[in-house]
Amino acid sequence: MVADARPVYARSDEAVDHLDRLKALVIELQQAAAAPRMLERAVGQYGELVRQVAQLTRFGRASVVSARAHALAVLVSAWECLALANQVYFDEGLAKSVGLVDRFRSRPDDLEACVASLLHASTADQVLVAAERLVADVGDVLRVLEGTRQAPPTPGPAAIGTVYPELHDAVRKVVDACAHGDVARATVEAWLLQRDVDATLLGGHTGSAGNLRCAHVDAGPARAAFGLVDLLAIPAPALADLANTALDIDAQLLAAAREGGPPHLETLDDLRAHLRDVASAISW
């Protein structure tokens, strides 16, 4: 382990300094200030855990031997999730660390029994049931921890004004697809617009790929605060409603951006001109 490493031979002083920085990082990541960062990494790792369970479900049913091979990957991923979320590391390997569940401050209540079920399963179906239980329990722990995180601040006029030209262009694409009666294109464009609106409301942070709820759910309170309608709630064939809602969102975002005085940029040429003006002002 890096934390306990001692140099026996070093090619250069820089190599020793690099090791010292890594050891300092290990200590830093165990501090309270690093908890949000480590939780985000744990949530990202949870996506890998879900993938491993999917692999077990798809390919592990052939035999108990095959199931056990996939179960090992599930156990490793689960342990990594919990270690990241709890900001701990183990001096020894997985075989010994499975007996040290008390080091996880936040863990499933029956983690030991769940691991035992996974390791002692004698059929492929038993392995699958134990793995699904483990991934669900770890997910519950991460959801509780996520619920303790501070919500991102509501974006101000300047933040909205910065991205408004791109959102405005996305609205145009939705409206154009609706005008042409292209349900598939309109639906995809609307979903893309909603994704970008959610990211804007979350201050550009949409979470990791394995986000347990996804940015769309996290942005719900901010959407309500701005009075924005959820595009994903509109049935795909209702193109008129989709277009009108997109235009309403555009108007509301523009109004929010104008509270701070950002200019209304209709086109990319307007944006380029505005950026030139800003650059000129800065140079003076």
Foldseek 3Di string as FASTA:
>chain_A
DLLPDDDPDDPDVVVVVVSVVVNVVLVVCQDPVNLVVLLLVLLQLLVVLVVLLVCLVVPVQPWVVSNLVSLVSNQVSLVSSQCSNNSHDDPDDPVVCLVVCVSRPQFQPPSNVLVVQCVPDDTSVSNSVSSVVSSVRSLVSSVVVVVPDDQADFDALQLLLVCLQVLLVLLVQLLVCLVVQNLVSNLVSLVVSLLVVLCSRRVNDFGHPSRPVTSSVSSVVVCVVLVQDRLVVDDSNPSVVNSVSSVVVSVSSVVRNCVVPRDDQHDVVSVVVVVVVVVVVVVD
